[in-house]
Amino acid sequence: MRVAIRSALAVAIIVAVCVILAVMITVRPKSRQKEIVTEPQSTEVIDAGRSSWPVFRGGQRLLGRASGTLPDSMTLLWKFKTDGEIKSSPVIDEHLVFIGSSDANVYAIDLEEGRQVWAYKTGDAVEAAPCAVEGSVFVGSSDNFLYALDAKSGTLKWKYQTDGQILGAANWTRSPDGKRTWILVGSYDSKLHCVDSTSGEAVWKYQTDSYVNGSPAVGEGKAVFGGCDAMIHAVSVADGSKVAQIDAGSFIAASAALLDGQVYVGNYDNVFIRADLAEGKIVWKYTSGDQPFFSSAAVGEDVVVVGGRDKHVHCVKRDNGKAVWRFPTGGQVDSSPVICGDKVIVGSEDGRLYMIRLSDGTEVWSYEIGRAITSSPAVVEGMVVVGSDDGYVYAFAGKR
């Protein structure tokens, strides 16, 4: 009798254990499967935001901000030689660096290895930064043409002629119906051109009273840019109609940054400006030294950083334009700074690339190239890419 009871208990225990194991096996894979699905999606979103610098200044509003952080010291990963000075600024998309050279070529360079993927020759020097969007690279040349090139092969898709040289970077926007992509570019024919990205046909043109040297910032349904007519122009991207026009006091060579209806740009009379588009007026002015601003500003959370031809990098408060710090270099600073975490990276005509502490303007690191750097840096995944007048493109990163 006792043997029978023990046998029955043993069987019951075995059955119970099997049931528990069956439940655990059934439930756990479902929980684990959810984790596997969720984590890669989150990583892809983060990587997509950090591995691309597709337009001049990193984004359509031209804010000069990079995500992530930079190390306190960087090493040279590679340098790529062209046959002319590099005034153009690099953009980065799909692990390719796109940049122009005074040798009249547009280059695609492998981001990790620094090897040439392709080159396309235009009719004159390419000082404009490219714009990479939807598998194409759009770039202006001093030969008066805007070129559309296949990003993977460098094959010409179309070219669009203006009546003046194109020295500023192209930008992009969506058409009002959201079905097409339009390319915006300024020219020395005194116009801002809107061109269909697929056909290369003009959509609209906006006439100003002098050269358009910089790149248009795009946001809030507007294209905003300064001109050599001393005006800050705001244009509807839908049809090219005038939204606002603000007198900046002197001609503007730099590209404006746009954030929350506020425009940040310097002029040739040594004045850096914040202007309000809705009110159509200047909010504050910052003046330092007796040299103009050709550099485009980096707009941070609380401060704005810009280079000056007075051989300084300037940091001012966003709300009132009061000086926070000034960083001296040995040459004019036409290169446009980039804010990345707690640091600023910028080139100077003294031949050095500088890393500056954002909080107090102290030097963290510098690298001597030896020739002027007017090209503006591109920053992705802790890497910095910039061109120089010595004809080389340089890539830096922390020790790997």
Protein backbone atom coordinates (compact mmCIF):
# COMPACT_ATOMS: atom_id res chain seq x y z
CA MET A 1 0.00 0.00 0.00
CA ARG A 2 2.78 2.43 0.96
CA VAL A 3 4.65 1.55 -2.23
CA ALA A 4 1.56 2.37 -4.28
CA ILE A 5 1.13 5.73 -2.54
CA ARG A 6 4.79 6.60 -3.07
CA SER A 7 4.56 5.68 -6.72
CA ALA A 8 1.46 7.84 -7.13
CA LEU A 9 3.15 10.78 -5.43
CA ALA A 10 6.23 10.39 -7.59
CA VAL A 11 4.12 10.38 -10.72
CA ALA A 12 2.22 13.48 -9.55
CA ILE A 13 5.46 15.34 -8.83
CA ILE A 14 6.86 14.42 -12.23
CA VAL A 15 3.67 15.57 -13.93
CA ALA A 16 3.71 18.87 -12.01
CA VAL A 17 7.33 19.53 -12.90
CA CYS A 18 6.62 18.80 -16.56
CA VAL A 19 3.67 21.20 -16.52
CA ILE A 20 5.81 23.98 -14.98
CA LEU A 21 8.58 23.41 -17.50
CA ALA A 22 6.07 23.42 -20.33
CA VAL A 23 4.68 26.76 -19.16
CA MET A 24 8.17 28.26 -18.83
CA ILE A 25 9.21 27.06 -22.26
CA THR A 26 6.00 28.42 -23.77
CA VAL A 27 6.19 31.86 -22.12
CA ARG A 28 9.90 32.73 -22.19
CA PRO A 29 10.55 32.69 -25.92
CA LYS A 30 7.72 35.18 -26.46
CA SER A 31 9.25 37.61 -23.97
CA ARG A 32 12.72 37.12 -25.47
CA GLN A 33 11.37 37.60 -28.99
CA LYS A 34 9.97 41.00 -28.05
CA GLU A 35 13.36 42.12 -26.80
CA ILE A 36 15.07 40.99 -30.01
CA VAL A 37 12.59 42.95 -32.13
CA THR A 38 12.71 46.10 -30.01
CA GLU A 39 16.45 46.55 -29.56
CA PRO A 40 17.55 46.60 -33.25
CA GLN A 41 14.78 49.07 -34.13
CA SER A 42 16.00 51.47 -31.43
CA THR A 43 19.63 51.07 -32.52
CA GLU A 44 18.78 51.75 -36.17
CA VAL A 45 17.06 55.00 -35.25
CA ILE A 46 20.07 56.18 -33.22
CA ASP A 47 22.59 55.14 -35.88
CA ALA A 48 20.61 56.79 -38.65
CA GLY A 49 20.73 60.09 -36.81
CA ARG A 50 24.44 59.89 -36.05
CA SER A 51 25.95 58.50 -39.24
CA SER A 52 24.82 61.20 -41.65
CA TRP A 53 25.77 64.83 -42.33
CA PRO A 54 23.97 65.11 -45.67
CA VAL A 55 23.89 68.89 -46.12
CA PHE A 56 26.08 71.86 -45.24
CA ARG A 57 25.98 72.49 -41.45
CA GLY A 58 24.46 69.03 -40.91
CA GLY A 59 20.74 69.73 -41.39
CA GLN A 60 18.29 71.82 -43.37
CA ARG A 61 18.15 74.63 -40.78
CA LEU A 62 21.96 74.99 -40.97
CA LEU A 63 22.38 74.87 -37.18
CA GLY A 64 25.87 73.34 -37.16
CA ARG A 65 25.01 70.80 -34.44
CA ALA A 66 26.28 67.23 -34.28
CA SER A 67 24.92 64.48 -32.06
CA GLY A 68 27.11 62.41 -29.77
CA THR A 69 30.42 63.56 -28.29
CA LEU A 70 34.02 64.08 -29.30
CA PRO A 71 37.06 62.77 -27.39
CA ASP A 72 39.55 65.18 -25.85
CA SER A 73 42.20 64.08 -28.35
CA MET A 74 41.94 62.94 -31.95
CA THR A 75 44.25 61.18 -34.39
CA LEU A 76 44.49 61.39 -38.17
CA LEU A 77 42.70 58.43 -39.76
CA TRP A 78 43.41 59.27 -43.38
CA LYS A 79 43.93 62.11 -45.83
CA PHE A 80 42.83 62.21 -49.45
CA LYS A 81 44.61 64.28 -52.10
CA THR A 82 42.97 66.37 -54.80
CA ASP A 83 44.71 68.59 -57.35
CA GLY A 84 43.46 71.94 -56.07
CA GLU A 85 42.65 73.94 -52.97
CA ILE A 86 39.58 72.78 -51.07
CA LYS A 87 37.21 75.59 -50.14
CA SER A 88 34.21 73.26 -50.29
CA SER A 89 32.88 71.67 -47.10
CA PRO A 90 32.28 67.92 -46.89
CA VAL A 91 28.93 66.21 -46.45
CA ILE A 92 28.54 62.57 -45.42
CA ASP A 93 25.84 60.06 -46.34
CA GLU A 94 25.73 56.26 -46.58
CA HIS A 95 29.36 56.08 -45.39
CA LEU A 96 30.57 58.25 -48.27
CA VAL A 97 32.17 61.69 -48.05
CA PHE A 98 31.19 64.10 -50.84
CA ILE A 99 33.28 67.23 -51.40
CA GLY A 100 34.32 69.63 -54.16
CA SER A 101 37.78 70.89 -55.08
CA SER A 102 39.27 73.82 -56.98
CA ASP A 103 40.50 71.22 -59.49
CA ALA A 104 36.84 71.33 -60.73
CA ASN A 105 36.02 67.83 -59.47
CA VAL A 106 33.37 66.54 -57.10
CA TYR A 107 34.68 63.53 -55.15
CA ALA A 108 33.07 60.62 -53.35
CA ILE A 109 35.42 59.14 -50.72
CA ASP A 110 34.95 56.06 -48.55
CA LEU A 111 34.45 57.33 -45.00
CA GLU A 112 36.36 54.56 -43.23
CA GLU A 113 39.24 53.99 -45.64
CA GLY A 114 39.72 57.36 -47.34
CA ARG A 115 39.84 55.85 -50.83
CA GLN A 116 38.24 57.41 -53.91
CA VAL A 117 34.93 55.87 -54.95
CA TRP A 118 34.32 58.20 -57.88
CA ALA A 119 35.08 61.68 -59.23
CA TYR A 120 33.04 63.89 -61.54
CA LYS A 121 34.62 66.83 -63.37
CA THR A 122 32.66 70.06 -63.77
CA GLY A 123 33.63 73.08 -65.85
CA ASP A 124 35.29 75.11 -63.08
CA ALA A 125 36.25 75.16 -59.40
CA VAL A 126 33.76 73.62 -56.96
CA GLU A 127 33.70 75.73 -53.79
CA ALA A 128 30.11 74.89 -52.83
CA ALA A 129 29.35 72.09 -50.39
CA PRO A 130 27.29 69.27 -51.90
CA CYS A 131 23.83 68.20 -50.76
CA ALA A 132 23.10 64.45 -50.56
CA VAL A 133 19.44 63.41 -50.61
CA GLU A 134 17.49 60.39 -51.90
CA GLY A 135 20.44 58.73 -53.64
CA SER A 136 21.64 61.84 -55.46
CA VAL A 137 24.30 64.48 -54.85
CA PHE A 138 23.43 68.06 -55.82
CA VAL A 139 26.31 70.52 -56.07
CA GLY A 140 26.94 73.90 -57.63
CA SER A 141 30.06 74.93 -59.54
CA SER A 142 31.77 78.17 -60.50
CA ASP A 143 30.83 77.28 -64.09
CA ASN A 144 27.26 78.49 -63.27
CA PHE A 145 25.72 75.00 -63.25
CA LEU A 146 23.96 72.98 -60.56
CA TYR A 147 24.77 69.29 -61.03
CA ALA A 148 22.72 66.23 -60.03
CA LEU A 149 24.93 63.14 -59.70
CA ASP A 150 24.16 59.57 -58.74
CA ALA A 151 25.51 59.13 -55.20
CA LYS A 152 26.82 55.60 -55.78
CA SER A 153 28.40 55.97 -59.22
CA GLY A 154 28.88 59.70 -59.84
CA THR A 155 26.94 59.46 -63.09
CA LEU A 156 25.41 62.74 -64.27
CA LYS A 157 21.61 62.80 -64.02
CA TRP A 158 21.13 66.40 -65.15
CA LYS A 159 22.61 69.87 -64.87
CA TYR A 160 20.77 73.14 -64.43
CA GLN A 161 22.20 76.43 -65.65
CA THR A 162 22.05 79.73 -63.77
CA ASP A 163 23.45 83.06 -64.96
CA GLY A 164 26.18 83.25 -62.31
CA GLN A 165 28.62 81.15 -60.34
CA ILE A 166 27.32 79.01 -57.50
CA LEU A 167 29.50 79.21 -54.38
CA GLY A 168 26.94 78.32 -51.69
CA ALA A 169 25.64 74.87 -50.82
CA ALA A 170 22.34 73.58 -52.13
CA ASN A 171 19.58 72.63 -49.69
CA TRP A 172 16.32 70.73 -50.16
CA THR A 173 12.63 70.73 -49.30
CA ARG A 174 9.51 68.73 -50.10
CA SER A 175 6.88 70.04 -52.50
CA PRO A 176 3.59 71.16 -50.87
CA ASP A 177 1.88 67.88 -51.85
CA GLY A 178 4.80 65.89 -50.38
CA LYS A 179 5.33 63.93 -53.60
CA ARG A 180 8.46 65.61 -54.93
CA THR A 181 11.79 66.84 -53.65
CA TRP A 182 12.93 70.31 -54.62
CA ILE A 183 16.49 71.62 -54.53
CA LEU A 184 17.18 75.21 -53.45
CA VAL A 185 20.37 77.02 -54.41
CA GLY A 186 21.59 80.62 -54.59
CA SER A 187 23.62 82.04 -57.44
CA TYR A 188 25.64 85.11 -58.36
CA ASP A 189 22.86 85.90 -60.81
CA SER A 190 21.13 87.38 -57.71
CA LYS A 191 18.46 84.68 -57.58
CA LEU A 192 17.44 81.83 -55.34
CA HIS A 193 16.53 78.91 -57.59
CA CYS A 194 14.11 76.10 -56.80
CA VAL A 195 14.70 73.08 -59.03
CA ASP A 196 12.88 69.76 -59.28
CA SER A 197 15.26 67.04 -58.09
CA THR A 198 14.07 64.47 -60.65
CA SER A 199 13.76 66.50 -63.84
CA GLY A 200 16.20 69.35 -63.23
CA GLU A 201 13.52 71.83 -64.32
CA ALA A 202 12.99 75.16 -62.57
CA VAL A 203 10.02 75.27 -60.18
CA TRP A 204 10.37 78.94 -59.21
CA LYS A 205 12.99 81.70 -58.89
CA TYR A 206 13.25 84.49 -56.34
CA GLN A 207 14.97 87.71 -57.43
CA THR A 208 17.18 89.75 -55.08
CA ASP A 209 19.21 92.89 -55.72
CA SER A 210 22.68 91.34 -55.57
CA TYR A 211 24.71 88.13 -55.37
CA VAL A 212 23.55 85.21 -53.24
CA ASN A 213 26.74 83.78 -51.78
CA GLY A 214 25.50 81.57 -48.93
CA SER A 215 23.23 78.57 -48.59
CA PRO A 216 19.52 78.92 -47.76
CA ALA A 217 18.31 77.55 -44.42
CA VAL A 218 15.07 75.60 -44.78
CA GLY A 219 12.40 75.21 -42.09
CA GLU A 220 8.94 76.27 -41.02
CA GLY A 221 7.83 76.41 -44.66
CA LYS A 222 10.47 79.00 -45.50
CA ALA A 223 13.86 79.36 -47.14
CA VAL A 224 15.94 81.97 -45.32
CA PHE A 225 19.18 83.46 -46.62
CA GLY A 226 21.28 86.60 -46.63
CA GLY A 227 22.34 88.46 -49.73
CA CYS A 228 24.97 90.89 -50.89
CA ASP A 229 22.07 93.36 -51.08
CA ALA A 230 22.41 93.55 -47.25
CA MET A 231 19.02 91.91 -46.74
CA ILE A 232 17.86 88.85 -44.84
CA HIS A 233 15.31 87.20 -47.13
CA ALA A 234 12.57 84.78 -46.08
CA VAL A 235 10.78 83.08 -48.98
CA SER A 236 7.89 80.60 -49.07
CA VAL A 237 9.22 77.25 -50.27
CA ALA A 238 5.80 76.48 -51.76
CA ASP A 239 5.86 79.15 -54.45
CA GLY A 240 8.87 81.43 -53.95
CA SER A 241 6.83 84.37 -52.70
CA LYS A 242 8.34 86.87 -50.24
CA VAL A 243 7.53 86.24 -46.58
CA ALA A 244 9.86 88.76 -44.92
CA GLN A 245 12.78 91.03 -45.68
CA ILE A 246 14.97 92.52 -42.96
CA ASP A 247 17.71 95.08 -43.47
CA ALA A 248 20.96 93.69 -42.04
CA GLY A 249 22.93 96.91 -42.50
CA SER A 250 25.65 95.46 -44.73
CA PHE A 251 26.06 92.68 -47.24
CA ILE A 252 25.93 89.08 -46.06
CA ALA A 253 28.37 86.46 -47.35
CA ALA A 254 27.66 83.79 -44.71
CA SER A 255 24.81 81.30 -44.53
CA ALA A 256 22.08 82.04 -42.00
CA ALA A 257 20.89 79.58 -39.35
CA LEU A 258 17.16 79.28 -38.62
CA LEU A 259 15.57 78.14 -35.35
CA ASP A 260 12.10 78.87 -33.95
CA GLY A 261 11.55 81.80 -36.30
CA GLN A 262 14.88 83.37 -35.33
CA VAL A 263 17.67 83.97 -37.85
CA TYR A 264 21.35 84.07 -36.83
CA VAL A 265 23.87 85.55 -39.30
CA GLY A 266 26.84 87.93 -39.47
CA ASN A 267 27.49 90.72 -41.97
CA TYR A 268 30.41 92.55 -43.55
CA ASP A 269 30.24 95.45 -41.07
CA ASN A 270 31.53 93.28 -38.20
CA VAL A 271 28.02 92.79 -36.80
CA PHE A 272 26.49 89.44 -35.85
CA ILE A 273 22.69 89.52 -35.79
CA ARG A 274 19.68 87.73 -34.40
CA ALA A 275 16.54 88.66 -36.32
CA ASP A 276 12.89 87.75 -35.70
CA LEU A 277 11.03 86.79 -38.90
CA ALA A 278 7.51 87.23 -37.52
CA GLU A 279 8.25 90.73 -36.26
CA GLY A 280 10.47 91.57 -39.22
CA LYS A 281 13.16 93.18 -37.10
CA ILE A 282 16.57 92.69 -35.52
CA VAL A 283 16.40 91.45 -31.90
CA TRP A 284 20.05 92.03 -30.96
CA LYS A 285 23.44 92.82 -32.43
CA TYR A 286 26.88 91.64 -31.36
CA THR A 287 29.96 93.56 -32.48
CA SER A 288 33.58 92.72 -31.76
CA GLY A 289 36.68 93.94 -33.56
CA ASP A 290 36.80 95.60 -36.92
CA GLN A 291 36.61 92.60 -39.26
CA PRO A 292 33.58 91.03 -41.00
CA PHE A 293 31.86 87.71 -40.39
CA PHE A 294 32.12 85.21 -43.26
CA SER A 295 31.68 82.15 -41.02
CA SER A 296 28.23 80.63 -40.49
CA ALA A 297 27.03 80.21 -36.92
CA ALA A 298 26.52 77.06 -34.85
CA VAL A 299 23.37 77.42 -32.74
CA GLY A 300 23.39 75.53 -29.44
CA GLU A 301 20.80 75.26 -26.70
CA ASP A 302 21.83 78.48 -24.94
CA VAL A 303 24.68 79.92 -27.01
CA VAL A 304 25.69 80.73 -30.57
CA VAL A 305 29.26 80.19 -31.83
CA VAL A 306 30.70 81.88 -34.93
CA GLY A 307 34.11 82.54 -36.47
CA GLY A 308 35.33 86.05 -37.31
CA ARG A 309 37.91 87.56 -39.61
CA ASP A 310 39.29 89.25 -36.49
CA LYS A 311 41.09 85.91 -35.87
CA HIS A 312 38.73 84.86 -33.09
CA VAL A 313 35.96 82.35 -32.51
CA HIS A 314 33.10 84.08 -30.68
CA CYS A 315 30.52 82.60 -28.32
CA VAL A 316 27.48 84.68 -27.36
CA LYS A 317 24.24 84.07 -25.49
CA ARG A 318 21.26 83.18 -27.65
CA ASP A 319 18.77 85.25 -25.67
CA ASN A 320 20.58 88.59 -25.57
CA GLY A 321 23.75 88.38 -27.70
CA LYS A 322 26.09 89.08 -24.77
CA ALA A 323 29.63 87.72 -25.07
CA VAL A 324 30.40 84.46 -23.26
CA TRP A 325 33.98 83.97 -24.49
CA ARG A 326 36.37 84.71 -27.36
CA PHE A 327 38.96 82.19 -28.53
CA PRO A 328 42.02 83.56 -30.37
CA THR A 329 43.57 81.85 -33.39
CA GLY A 330 46.49 82.89 -35.56
CA GLY A 331 44.38 83.63 -38.64
CA GLN A 332 40.98 84.63 -39.94
CA VAL A 333 38.17 82.19 -39.17
CA ASP A 334 35.95 81.74 -42.24
CA SER A 335 35.43 78.08 -41.37
CA SER A 336 32.03 77.51 -39.75
CA PRO A 337 32.18 75.88 -36.29
CA VAL A 338 30.29 72.74 -35.27
CA ILE A 339 28.96 72.14 -31.76
CA CYS A 340 29.23 68.50 -30.66
CA GLY A 341 28.37 67.81 -27.03
CA ASP A 342 30.57 69.97 -24.83
CA LYS A 343 33.00 70.88 -27.62
CA VAL A 344 33.32 73.10 -30.69
CA ILE A 345 35.37 72.05 -33.74
CA VAL A 346 36.49 74.68 -36.27
CA GLY A 347 39.30 75.48 -38.71
CA SER A 348 41.34 78.66 -39.10
CA GLU A 349 43.42 80.27 -41.81
CA ASP A 350 46.42 79.83 -39.50
CA GLY A 351 46.43 76.21 -40.74
CA ARG A 352 45.06 74.59 -37.59
CA LEU A 353 41.94 72.62 -36.77
CA TYR A 354 40.81 73.52 -33.24
CA MET A 355 38.71 71.77 -30.62
CA ILE A 356 37.39 74.25 -28.02
CA ARG A 357 35.52 73.69 -24.76
CA LEU A 358 31.99 75.03 -25.25
CA SER A 359 31.54 76.06 -21.62
CA ASP A 360 34.57 78.33 -21.24
CA GLY A 361 36.32 78.69 -24.62
CA THR A 362 39.53 76.91 -23.61
CA GLU A 363 41.52 74.90 -26.13
CA VAL A 364 41.13 71.14 -25.77
CA TRP A 365 43.09 69.95 -28.80
CA SER A 366 44.43 71.19 -32.13
CA TYR A 367 46.04 69.74 -35.23
CA GLU A 368 48.42 71.66 -37.48
CA ILE A 369 47.82 71.11 -41.17
CA GLY A 370 49.95 74.06 -42.21
CA ARG A 371 47.66 75.58 -44.84
CA ALA A 372 44.50 77.62 -44.43
CA ILE A 373 41.28 75.83 -43.47
CA THR A 374 38.24 77.70 -44.77
CA SER A 375 36.31 74.46 -45.28
CA SER A 376 33.77 73.74 -42.53
CA PRO A 377 33.93 70.43 -40.64
CA ALA A 378 31.43 67.59 -40.93
CA VAL A 379 30.99 65.50 -37.77
CA VAL A 380 29.53 61.98 -37.60
CA GLU A 381 29.95 59.17 -35.06
CA GLY A 382 32.84 60.91 -33.34
CA MET A 383 34.66 61.47 -36.65
CA VAL A 384 35.59 64.88 -38.06
CA VAL A 385 36.14 65.44 -41.79
CA VAL A 386 37.41 68.74 -43.24
CA GLY A 387 39.20 70.09 -46.31
CA SER A 388 42.21 72.39 -46.56
CA ASP A 389 43.89 74.76 -48.99
CA ASP A 390 46.70 72.20 -49.30
CA GLY A 391 44.34 70.15 -51.50
CA TYR A 392 43.75 67.36 -48.99
CA VAL A 393 40.63 66.09 -47.25
CA TYR A 394 41.38 65.04 -43.64
CA ALA A 395 39.52 62.60 -41.39
CA PHE A 396 40.09 62.49 -37.60
CA ALA A 397 38.76 60.34 -34.80
CA GLY A 398 39.57 59.24 -31.28
CA LYS A 399 42.09 56.42 -30.85
CA ARG A 400 40.61 53.17 -32.12
